[in-house]
Structure formats: structure tokens, C-alpha cells
Amino acid sequence: MRILRDFLLAIRTVVALPFIILLLVVLKIFLRDMDIAED
């Protein structure tokens, strides 16, 4: 049962990683646009 839980956790981590990276990229672009707008 514990192996199954670790397996599901690994799948969740692998699935979540691209979303986290995408979120960081969008956030960085958004902040850069705000900096440009301020000038």
C-alpha cells in the first residue's frame, strides 16, 4: 500500500512540475511588462 502511495505522489509531482514552471514563466513575463509600463 505504501508503494502505491509513493507512486501516486511521484505521478502528482511529475504532473505538477510543468504547471509550476509555466506559472513562473508567466509571472516573470507579467512582472517584466509591469516594469516596462512604469517607465
Protein backbone atom coordinates (compact mmCIF):
# COMPACT_ATOMS: atom_id res chain seq x y z
CA MET A 1 0.00 0.00 0.00
CA ARG A 2 2.86 2.39 0.83
CA ILE A 3 4.49 1.74 -2.56
CA LEU A 4 1.23 2.73 -4.26
CA ARG A 5 1.09 5.96 -2.25
CA ASP A 6 4.69 6.84 -3.18
CA PHE A 7 3.87 6.04 -6.82
CA LEU A 8 0.86 8.36 -6.82
CA LEU A 9 2.93 11.08 -5.13
CA ALA A 10 5.60 10.73 -7.82
CA ILE A 11 2.97 10.99 -10.57
CA ARG A 12 1.47 14.06 -8.92
CA THR A 13 4.91 15.69 -8.69
CA VAL A 14 5.71 14.96 -12.35
CA VAL A 15 2.33 16.34 -13.41
CA ALA A 16 2.65 19.44 -11.23
CA LEU A 17 6.19 20.39 -12.32
CA PRO A 18 5.30 21.71 -15.83
CA PHE A 19 2.43 23.75 -14.37
CA ILE A 20 4.74 25.30 -11.75
CA ILE A 21 7.35 26.15 -14.42
CA LEU A 22 4.64 27.63 -16.66
CA LEU A 23 3.33 29.70 -13.75
CA LEU A 24 6.83 31.05 -13.01
CA VAL A 25 7.38 31.97 -16.67
CA VAL A 26 4.02 33.77 -16.86
CA LEU A 27 4.76 35.58 -13.60
CA LYS A 28 8.19 36.69 -14.87
CA ILE A 29 6.71 37.98 -18.15
CA PHE A 30 3.93 39.75 -16.24
CA LEU A 31 6.42 41.46 -13.91
CA ARG A 32 8.59 42.48 -16.87
CA ASP A 33 5.55 44.01 -18.61
CA MET A 34 4.69 45.93 -15.43
CA ASP A 35 8.26 47.30 -15.27
CA ILE A 36 8.04 48.41 -18.91
CA ALA A 37 4.66 50.06 -18.27
CA GLU A 38 6.06 52.05 -15.34
CA ASP A 39 8.75 53.77 -17.40
